[in-house]
N, C-alpha and C. Protein backbone atom coordinates (compact mmCIF):
# COMPACT_ATOMS: atom_id res chain seq x y z
N UNK A 1 -0.79 34.48 -24.70
CA UNK A 1 -0.14 33.27 -24.28
C UNK A 1 0.35 33.43 -22.84
N UNK A 2 0.03 32.46 -22.01
CA UNK A 2 0.45 32.52 -20.62
C UNK A 2 1.89 32.07 -20.49
N UNK A 3 2.61 32.79 -19.65
CA UNK A 3 3.99 32.43 -19.40
C UNK A 3 4.02 31.48 -18.20
N UNK A 4 4.80 30.41 -18.31
CA UNK A 4 4.90 29.44 -17.24
C UNK A 4 5.82 29.97 -16.15
N UNK A 5 5.37 29.92 -14.91
CA UNK A 5 6.15 30.40 -13.79
C UNK A 5 7.28 29.43 -13.46
N UNK A 6 8.42 29.98 -13.05
CA UNK A 6 9.54 29.12 -12.66
C UNK A 6 9.54 28.88 -11.15
N UNK A 7 8.65 29.52 -10.43
CA UNK A 7 8.57 29.31 -8.99
C UNK A 7 7.96 27.94 -8.73
N UNK A 8 8.62 27.18 -7.92
CA UNK A 8 8.16 25.84 -7.62
C UNK A 8 7.71 25.75 -6.18
N UNK A 9 6.76 24.89 -5.96
CA UNK A 9 6.15 24.71 -4.66
C UNK A 9 7.10 24.01 -3.68
N UNK A 10 7.02 24.39 -2.41
CA UNK A 10 7.76 23.69 -1.37
C UNK A 10 7.04 22.38 -1.04
N UNK A 11 7.80 21.34 -0.83
CA UNK A 11 7.20 20.05 -0.53
C UNK A 11 8.08 19.27 0.46
N UNK A 12 7.41 18.55 1.35
CA UNK A 12 8.09 17.68 2.31
C UNK A 12 7.58 16.26 2.08
N UNK A 13 8.50 15.32 1.83
CA UNK A 13 8.14 13.95 1.48
C UNK A 13 8.72 12.98 2.49
N UNK A 14 7.87 12.09 2.97
CA UNK A 14 8.31 11.00 3.84
C UNK A 14 8.42 9.74 2.99
N UNK A 15 9.64 9.24 2.83
CA UNK A 15 9.88 7.99 2.12
C UNK A 15 9.92 6.85 3.12
N UNK A 16 9.30 5.74 2.77
CA UNK A 16 9.26 4.58 3.68
C UNK A 16 9.63 3.32 2.92
N UNK A 17 10.56 2.57 3.52
CA UNK A 17 10.93 1.25 3.01
C UNK A 17 10.32 0.22 3.96
N UNK A 18 9.20 -0.41 3.55
CA UNK A 18 8.53 -1.34 4.46
C UNK A 18 9.36 -2.60 4.68
N UNK A 19 9.24 -3.18 5.86
CA UNK A 19 9.93 -4.41 6.19
C UNK A 19 9.16 -5.17 7.24
N UNK A 20 9.67 -6.32 7.61
CA UNK A 20 8.97 -7.13 8.61
C UNK A 20 9.31 -6.67 10.03
N UNK A 21 10.58 -6.34 10.30
CA UNK A 21 10.96 -5.88 11.63
C UNK A 21 11.76 -4.58 11.60
N UNK A 22 12.26 -4.18 10.45
CA UNK A 22 12.99 -2.92 10.31
C UNK A 22 12.35 -2.13 9.18
N UNK A 23 11.83 -0.96 9.52
CA UNK A 23 11.17 -0.10 8.54
C UNK A 23 11.98 1.20 8.44
N UNK A 24 12.61 1.40 7.29
CA UNK A 24 13.40 2.61 7.10
C UNK A 24 12.51 3.78 6.75
N UNK A 25 12.91 4.97 7.21
CA UNK A 25 12.20 6.19 6.82
C UNK A 25 13.20 7.30 6.54
N UNK A 26 12.80 8.19 5.67
CA UNK A 26 13.61 9.36 5.35
C UNK A 26 12.70 10.49 4.94
N UNK A 27 12.95 11.66 5.50
CA UNK A 27 12.13 12.83 5.19
C UNK A 27 13.00 13.84 4.45
N UNK A 28 12.54 14.23 3.27
CA UNK A 28 13.28 15.23 2.51
C UNK A 28 12.40 16.45 2.29
N UNK A 29 13.06 17.57 2.10
CA UNK A 29 12.38 18.83 1.89
C UNK A 29 12.94 19.47 0.63
N UNK A 30 12.05 20.04 -0.15
CA UNK A 30 12.45 20.78 -1.35
C UNK A 30 11.77 22.14 -1.28
N UNK A 31 12.57 23.21 -1.28
CA UNK A 31 12.03 24.56 -1.12
C UNK A 31 11.62 25.23 -2.41
N UNK A 32 11.86 24.61 -3.54
CA UNK A 32 11.45 25.21 -4.80
C UNK A 32 12.57 25.96 -5.48
N UNK A 33 12.21 26.57 -6.59
CA UNK A 33 13.14 27.28 -7.45
C UNK A 33 14.33 26.40 -7.81
N UNK A 34 15.53 26.88 -7.65
CA UNK A 34 16.70 26.11 -8.05
C UNK A 34 17.43 25.49 -6.87
N UNK A 35 16.78 25.37 -5.75
CA UNK A 35 17.44 24.82 -4.57
C UNK A 35 17.60 23.31 -4.69
N UNK A 36 18.50 22.77 -3.89
CA UNK A 36 18.71 21.34 -3.82
C UNK A 36 17.80 20.77 -2.73
N UNK A 37 17.29 19.56 -2.91
CA UNK A 37 16.53 18.94 -1.83
C UNK A 37 17.47 18.62 -0.67
N UNK A 38 16.92 18.54 0.52
CA UNK A 38 17.73 18.21 1.70
C UNK A 38 17.00 17.19 2.56
N UNK A 39 17.80 16.39 3.25
CA UNK A 39 17.25 15.42 4.21
C UNK A 39 17.06 16.15 5.53
N UNK A 40 15.85 16.10 6.05
CA UNK A 40 15.61 16.77 7.34
C UNK A 40 15.44 15.77 8.48
N UNK A 41 15.42 14.50 8.15
CA UNK A 41 15.35 13.47 9.17
C UNK A 41 15.34 12.10 8.54
N UNK A 42 15.99 11.15 9.18
CA UNK A 42 15.97 9.79 8.68
C UNK A 42 16.38 8.83 9.80
N UNK A 43 15.97 7.59 9.63
CA UNK A 43 16.25 6.58 10.63
C UNK A 43 15.44 5.33 10.32
N UNK A 44 15.19 4.56 11.35
CA UNK A 44 14.38 3.36 11.14
C UNK A 44 13.58 3.03 12.38
N UNK A 45 12.51 2.32 12.14
CA UNK A 45 11.67 1.81 13.22
C UNK A 45 12.08 0.37 13.42
N UNK A 46 12.50 0.05 14.64
CA UNK A 46 12.99 -1.28 14.97
C UNK A 46 11.90 -2.02 15.76
N UNK A 47 11.37 -3.07 15.15
CA UNK A 47 10.29 -3.83 15.78
C UNK A 47 10.75 -5.20 16.27
N UNK A 48 12.06 -5.43 16.30
CA UNK A 48 12.60 -6.75 16.68
C UNK A 48 12.26 -7.13 18.11
N UNK A 49 12.13 -6.16 18.99
CA UNK A 49 11.87 -6.46 20.40
C UNK A 49 10.40 -6.75 20.69
N UNK A 50 9.53 -6.48 19.75
CA UNK A 50 8.10 -6.73 19.94
C UNK A 50 7.82 -8.23 19.79
N UNK A 51 7.04 -8.75 20.69
CA UNK A 51 6.66 -10.17 20.58
C UNK A 51 5.31 -10.28 19.90
N UNK A 52 5.23 -11.13 18.91
CA UNK A 52 3.97 -11.34 18.19
C UNK A 52 3.78 -10.31 17.10
N UNK A 53 3.30 -10.76 15.96
CA UNK A 53 3.10 -9.87 14.82
C UNK A 53 2.08 -8.78 15.11
N UNK A 54 1.05 -9.10 15.88
CA UNK A 54 0.04 -8.08 16.20
C UNK A 54 0.65 -6.93 17.00
N UNK A 55 1.60 -7.23 17.89
CA UNK A 55 2.26 -6.18 18.67
C UNK A 55 3.24 -5.38 17.81
N UNK A 56 3.89 -6.04 16.87
CA UNK A 56 4.77 -5.32 15.93
C UNK A 56 3.95 -4.32 15.12
N UNK A 57 2.81 -4.77 14.61
CA UNK A 57 1.99 -3.89 13.77
C UNK A 57 1.42 -2.73 14.57
N UNK A 58 1.04 -2.99 15.82
CA UNK A 58 0.54 -1.92 16.68
C UNK A 58 1.64 -0.90 16.96
N UNK A 59 2.84 -1.38 17.25
CA UNK A 59 3.97 -0.48 17.51
C UNK A 59 4.32 0.32 16.27
N UNK A 60 4.29 -0.31 15.12
CA UNK A 60 4.54 0.38 13.86
C UNK A 60 3.54 1.52 13.67
N UNK A 61 2.28 1.24 13.92
CA UNK A 61 1.23 2.26 13.80
C UNK A 61 1.52 3.44 14.73
N UNK A 62 1.87 3.15 15.97
CA UNK A 62 2.17 4.22 16.94
C UNK A 62 3.38 5.04 16.50
N UNK A 63 4.43 4.35 16.08
CA UNK A 63 5.65 5.05 15.67
C UNK A 63 5.42 5.90 14.42
N UNK A 64 4.65 5.38 13.48
CA UNK A 64 4.34 6.15 12.27
C UNK A 64 3.54 7.41 12.59
N UNK A 65 2.58 7.27 13.49
CA UNK A 65 1.80 8.45 13.89
C UNK A 65 2.71 9.52 14.49
N UNK A 66 3.71 9.09 15.27
CA UNK A 66 4.66 10.04 15.84
C UNK A 66 5.51 10.71 14.76
N UNK A 67 5.95 9.92 13.77
CA UNK A 67 6.72 10.50 12.66
C UNK A 67 5.89 11.53 11.90
N UNK A 68 4.63 11.21 11.65
CA UNK A 68 3.76 12.14 10.93
C UNK A 68 3.53 13.41 11.74
N UNK A 69 3.39 13.25 13.02
CA UNK A 69 3.20 14.40 13.90
C UNK A 69 4.47 15.27 13.95
N UNK A 70 5.63 14.62 14.00
CA UNK A 70 6.89 15.34 14.09
C UNK A 70 7.25 16.07 12.80
N UNK A 71 7.14 15.39 11.66
CA UNK A 71 7.62 15.96 10.40
C UNK A 71 6.54 16.62 9.55
N UNK A 72 5.28 16.27 9.76
CA UNK A 72 4.17 16.85 9.00
C UNK A 72 4.43 16.81 7.48
N UNK A 73 4.63 15.60 6.93
CA UNK A 73 4.91 15.53 5.49
C UNK A 73 3.68 15.87 4.65
N UNK A 74 3.93 16.37 3.45
CA UNK A 74 2.86 16.65 2.51
C UNK A 74 2.38 15.37 1.83
N UNK A 75 3.29 14.44 1.67
CA UNK A 75 2.99 13.20 0.98
C UNK A 75 3.93 12.09 1.47
N UNK A 76 3.54 10.86 1.19
CA UNK A 76 4.35 9.70 1.55
C UNK A 76 4.66 8.92 0.28
N UNK A 77 5.90 8.51 0.15
CA UNK A 77 6.32 7.64 -0.95
C UNK A 77 6.77 6.32 -0.34
N UNK A 78 6.33 5.23 -0.93
CA UNK A 78 6.59 3.91 -0.37
C UNK A 78 6.98 2.95 -1.49
N UNK A 79 7.77 1.97 -1.13
CA UNK A 79 8.15 0.97 -2.12
C UNK A 79 6.98 0.04 -2.40
N UNK A 80 6.73 -0.19 -3.67
CA UNK A 80 5.67 -1.11 -4.09
C UNK A 80 6.27 -2.51 -4.16
N UNK A 81 5.74 -3.39 -3.34
CA UNK A 81 6.25 -4.75 -3.27
C UNK A 81 5.50 -5.58 -4.31
N UNK A 82 6.22 -5.98 -5.33
CA UNK A 82 5.58 -6.77 -6.37
C UNK A 82 6.26 -8.13 -6.54
N UNK A 83 7.45 -8.26 -6.01
CA UNK A 83 8.20 -9.51 -6.10
C UNK A 83 9.06 -9.59 -4.85
N UNK A 84 9.13 -10.77 -4.28
CA UNK A 84 9.88 -10.92 -3.04
C UNK A 84 10.67 -12.20 -3.06
N UNK A 85 11.93 -12.14 -2.64
CA UNK A 85 12.82 -13.31 -2.66
C UNK A 85 12.54 -14.28 -1.53
N UNK A 86 12.18 -13.77 -0.36
CA UNK A 86 12.01 -14.62 0.81
C UNK A 86 10.52 -14.82 1.10
N UNK A 87 10.01 -15.99 0.76
CA UNK A 87 8.57 -16.28 0.94
C UNK A 87 8.16 -16.29 2.40
N UNK A 88 9.09 -16.52 3.32
CA UNK A 88 8.76 -16.57 4.75
C UNK A 88 8.39 -15.20 5.31
N UNK A 89 8.95 -14.14 4.75
CA UNK A 89 8.70 -12.82 5.32
C UNK A 89 7.74 -11.97 4.50
N UNK A 90 7.34 -12.42 3.33
CA UNK A 90 6.50 -11.56 2.47
C UNK A 90 5.18 -11.17 3.15
N UNK A 91 4.56 -12.11 3.85
CA UNK A 91 3.29 -11.81 4.51
C UNK A 91 3.48 -10.71 5.55
N UNK A 92 4.55 -10.79 6.32
CA UNK A 92 4.80 -9.79 7.36
C UNK A 92 5.10 -8.42 6.76
N UNK A 93 5.83 -8.40 5.65
CA UNK A 93 6.12 -7.13 4.98
C UNK A 93 4.84 -6.52 4.42
N UNK A 94 4.00 -7.34 3.83
CA UNK A 94 2.73 -6.84 3.29
C UNK A 94 1.83 -6.33 4.42
N UNK A 95 1.84 -7.00 5.55
CA UNK A 95 1.06 -6.52 6.70
C UNK A 95 1.58 -5.16 7.18
N UNK A 96 2.91 -5.02 7.22
CA UNK A 96 3.51 -3.73 7.60
C UNK A 96 3.09 -2.65 6.62
N UNK A 97 3.12 -2.98 5.34
CA UNK A 97 2.72 -2.00 4.33
C UNK A 97 1.25 -1.60 4.53
N UNK A 98 0.41 -2.57 4.89
CA UNK A 98 -0.99 -2.26 5.17
C UNK A 98 -1.14 -1.27 6.31
N UNK A 99 -0.35 -1.44 7.36
CA UNK A 99 -0.39 -0.51 8.49
C UNK A 99 0.07 0.88 8.05
N UNK A 100 1.09 0.93 7.21
CA UNK A 100 1.59 2.21 6.70
C UNK A 100 0.50 2.91 5.90
N UNK A 101 -0.17 2.17 5.02
CA UNK A 101 -1.25 2.75 4.21
C UNK A 101 -2.42 3.21 5.08
N UNK A 102 -2.77 2.40 6.08
CA UNK A 102 -3.85 2.77 7.00
C UNK A 102 -3.51 4.05 7.76
N UNK A 103 -2.29 4.12 8.29
CA UNK A 103 -1.89 5.29 9.06
C UNK A 103 -1.89 6.54 8.19
N UNK A 104 -1.45 6.41 6.95
CA UNK A 104 -1.47 7.55 6.02
C UNK A 104 -2.92 7.97 5.74
N UNK A 105 -3.79 7.00 5.51
CA UNK A 105 -5.20 7.32 5.23
C UNK A 105 -5.86 8.01 6.42
N UNK A 106 -5.57 7.54 7.62
CA UNK A 106 -6.13 8.18 8.82
C UNK A 106 -5.67 9.63 8.94
N UNK A 107 -4.45 9.90 8.49
CA UNK A 107 -3.89 11.25 8.57
C UNK A 107 -4.19 12.08 7.32
N UNK A 108 -4.93 11.47 6.37
CA UNK A 108 -5.31 12.14 5.13
C UNK A 108 -4.09 12.62 4.33
N UNK A 109 -3.09 11.73 4.24
CA UNK A 109 -1.88 12.02 3.48
C UNK A 109 -1.84 11.07 2.29
N UNK A 110 -1.65 11.62 1.09
CA UNK A 110 -1.57 10.81 -0.12
C UNK A 110 -0.32 9.95 -0.12
N UNK A 111 -0.46 8.76 -0.67
CA UNK A 111 0.64 7.80 -0.78
C UNK A 111 0.92 7.54 -2.25
N UNK A 112 2.20 7.53 -2.60
CA UNK A 112 2.64 7.23 -3.95
C UNK A 112 3.59 6.04 -3.87
N UNK A 113 3.39 5.07 -4.76
CA UNK A 113 4.17 3.84 -4.72
C UNK A 113 5.10 3.75 -5.93
N UNK A 114 6.31 3.24 -5.67
CA UNK A 114 7.31 3.07 -6.72
C UNK A 114 7.96 1.70 -6.58
N UNK A 115 8.21 1.06 -7.71
CA UNK A 115 8.90 -0.23 -7.68
C UNK A 115 10.39 0.02 -7.44
N UNK A 116 11.11 -1.00 -6.96
CA UNK A 116 12.55 -0.84 -6.79
C UNK A 116 13.25 -0.41 -8.10
N UNK A 117 12.80 -0.94 -9.22
CA UNK A 117 13.39 -0.56 -10.51
C UNK A 117 13.18 0.92 -10.79
N UNK A 118 11.97 1.43 -10.54
CA UNK A 118 11.70 2.86 -10.75
C UNK A 118 12.59 3.72 -9.87
N UNK A 119 12.76 3.30 -8.61
CA UNK A 119 13.58 4.08 -7.68
C UNK A 119 15.02 4.12 -8.16
N UNK A 120 15.58 2.96 -8.49
CA UNK A 120 16.97 2.89 -8.94
C UNK A 120 17.17 3.70 -10.22
N UNK A 121 16.26 3.56 -11.16
CA UNK A 121 16.36 4.27 -12.43
C UNK A 121 16.30 5.78 -12.23
N UNK A 122 15.38 6.22 -11.38
CA UNK A 122 15.19 7.65 -11.15
C UNK A 122 16.35 8.26 -10.38
N UNK A 123 16.82 7.57 -9.36
CA UNK A 123 17.85 8.12 -8.48
C UNK A 123 19.24 8.04 -9.11
N UNK A 124 19.53 6.94 -9.79
CA UNK A 124 20.89 6.73 -10.29
C UNK A 124 21.01 6.76 -11.82
N UNK A 125 19.88 6.65 -12.51
CA UNK A 125 19.92 6.58 -13.96
C UNK A 125 20.15 5.17 -14.48
N UNK A 126 20.26 4.20 -13.57
CA UNK A 126 20.53 2.82 -13.95
C UNK A 126 19.66 1.89 -13.11
N UNK A 127 18.76 1.17 -13.75
CA UNK A 127 17.79 0.33 -13.06
C UNK A 127 18.35 -0.87 -12.32
N UNK A 128 19.60 -1.22 -12.61
CA UNK A 128 20.22 -2.37 -11.92
C UNK A 128 21.35 -1.93 -10.99
N UNK A 129 21.35 -0.68 -10.59
CA UNK A 129 22.38 -0.17 -9.69
C UNK A 129 22.36 -0.92 -8.37
N UNK A 130 23.55 -1.16 -7.80
CA UNK A 130 23.60 -1.85 -6.50
C UNK A 130 23.37 -0.85 -5.36
N UNK A 131 23.15 -1.40 -4.17
CA UNK A 131 22.81 -0.56 -3.01
C UNK A 131 23.90 0.45 -2.69
N UNK A 132 25.15 0.08 -2.87
CA UNK A 132 26.25 0.99 -2.57
C UNK A 132 26.21 2.22 -3.49
N UNK A 133 25.94 1.99 -4.77
CA UNK A 133 25.86 3.09 -5.73
C UNK A 133 24.66 3.99 -5.42
N UNK A 134 23.53 3.38 -5.08
CA UNK A 134 22.33 4.15 -4.72
C UNK A 134 22.62 5.01 -3.49
N UNK A 135 23.27 4.41 -2.50
CA UNK A 135 23.59 5.14 -1.27
C UNK A 135 24.47 6.36 -1.58
N UNK A 136 25.47 6.20 -2.44
CA UNK A 136 26.34 7.32 -2.82
C UNK A 136 25.56 8.39 -3.57
N UNK A 137 24.63 7.97 -4.43
CA UNK A 137 23.79 8.93 -5.16
C UNK A 137 22.92 9.73 -4.20
N UNK A 138 22.37 9.04 -3.20
CA UNK A 138 21.52 9.71 -2.20
C UNK A 138 22.34 10.71 -1.40
N UNK A 139 23.52 10.28 -0.94
CA UNK A 139 24.37 11.18 -0.16
C UNK A 139 24.73 12.43 -0.96
N UNK A 140 25.06 12.24 -2.22
CA UNK A 140 25.42 13.36 -3.08
C UNK A 140 24.22 14.29 -3.33
N UNK A 141 23.09 13.71 -3.66
CA UNK A 141 21.89 14.51 -3.98
C UNK A 141 21.35 15.28 -2.79
N UNK A 142 21.50 14.70 -1.59
CA UNK A 142 20.91 15.32 -0.40
C UNK A 142 21.94 15.99 0.51
N UNK A 143 23.21 15.94 0.12
CA UNK A 143 24.25 16.59 0.90
C UNK A 143 24.52 15.92 2.24
N UNK A 144 24.39 14.61 2.28
CA UNK A 144 24.63 13.86 3.52
C UNK A 144 26.09 13.40 3.52
N UNK A 145 26.82 13.79 4.55
CA UNK A 145 28.25 13.46 4.63
C UNK A 145 28.50 12.12 5.33
N UNK A 146 27.70 11.78 6.30
CA UNK A 146 27.93 10.57 7.09
C UNK A 146 27.35 9.34 6.39
N UNK A 147 27.81 8.17 6.82
CA UNK A 147 27.30 6.92 6.26
C UNK A 147 25.85 6.74 6.71
N UNK A 148 25.05 6.18 5.85
CA UNK A 148 23.63 5.95 6.15
C UNK A 148 23.46 4.46 6.41
N UNK A 149 23.05 4.12 7.62
CA UNK A 149 22.84 2.72 8.00
C UNK A 149 21.56 2.59 8.77
N UNK A 150 20.89 1.48 8.67
CA UNK A 150 21.09 0.36 7.75
C UNK A 150 20.60 0.71 6.34
N UNK A 151 20.70 -0.26 5.44
CA UNK A 151 20.29 -0.04 4.05
C UNK A 151 18.83 0.39 3.93
N UNK A 152 18.00 -0.03 4.87
CA UNK A 152 16.57 0.34 4.84
C UNK A 152 16.40 1.87 4.87
N UNK A 153 17.31 2.55 5.55
CA UNK A 153 17.24 4.01 5.66
C UNK A 153 17.60 4.66 4.33
N UNK A 154 18.70 4.22 3.71
CA UNK A 154 19.06 4.80 2.41
C UNK A 154 18.01 4.46 1.35
N UNK A 155 17.40 3.27 1.47
CA UNK A 155 16.31 2.91 0.56
C UNK A 155 15.13 3.87 0.72
N UNK A 156 14.80 4.20 1.96
CA UNK A 156 13.68 5.12 2.21
C UNK A 156 13.98 6.51 1.66
N UNK A 157 15.20 6.99 1.84
CA UNK A 157 15.58 8.29 1.28
C UNK A 157 15.54 8.26 -0.25
N UNK A 158 15.95 7.13 -0.83
CA UNK A 158 15.90 6.99 -2.29
C UNK A 158 14.46 7.03 -2.79
N UNK A 159 13.55 6.40 -2.06
CA UNK A 159 12.14 6.38 -2.44
C UNK A 159 11.57 7.80 -2.38
N UNK A 160 11.93 8.56 -1.34
CA UNK A 160 11.46 9.94 -1.23
C UNK A 160 12.01 10.80 -2.36
N UNK A 161 13.30 10.64 -2.66
CA UNK A 161 13.92 11.41 -3.74
C UNK A 161 13.33 11.02 -5.09
N UNK A 162 13.03 9.75 -5.27
CA UNK A 162 12.38 9.29 -6.50
C UNK A 162 11.05 10.02 -6.69
N UNK A 163 10.26 10.10 -5.63
CA UNK A 163 8.97 10.78 -5.74
C UNK A 163 9.16 12.26 -6.08
N UNK A 164 10.10 12.89 -5.42
CA UNK A 164 10.36 14.31 -5.70
C UNK A 164 10.67 14.51 -7.18
N UNK A 165 11.47 13.64 -7.73
CA UNK A 165 11.87 13.78 -9.14
C UNK A 165 10.74 13.44 -10.10
N UNK A 166 9.69 12.79 -9.61
CA UNK A 166 8.53 12.50 -10.46
C UNK A 166 7.48 13.61 -10.41
N UNK A 167 7.62 14.53 -9.50
CA UNK A 167 6.66 15.63 -9.42
C UNK A 167 6.81 16.53 -10.64
N UNK A 168 5.72 17.02 -11.13
CA UNK A 168 5.74 17.79 -12.38
C UNK A 168 6.43 19.14 -12.22
N UNK A 169 6.51 19.68 -11.02
CA UNK A 169 7.10 21.00 -10.85
C UNK A 169 8.54 20.96 -10.45
N UNK A 170 9.15 19.80 -10.35
CA UNK A 170 10.56 19.72 -9.96
C UNK A 170 11.44 19.90 -11.17
């Protein structure tokens, strides 16, 4: 009978919260064994100053390539958009998501998608948790002392942490 090893693989995950003009990102690292995951970088891509959707998408592509070059993630986790409250922005968010998927494919990085419900359930244990509770859970899990702003950034970190917790070796 083979004994299962307790050594776990190191992994770096880029979480992305797609948006129309603000795209949150968070990069977490997990070293394996019994260590805690840590945030190694987070922020957002601000496309508000770009004129025209085509220029926003081009800038998003450029900025994502820079993030991938800087952090060299093993995988990308992204929010799966299946329902949207604001019909005016859904097309732009879906276009942004397309650019994210394209950039990942060009870099040969696997993408994993999670619904908001999956992220909330995995990170907080409660599928209807509010953003404030999720943010506190993220800060606690990743050892972040400062406030995380805007919400797109904490959402991206939550998406990355959700993926980490879905990995079979975690």
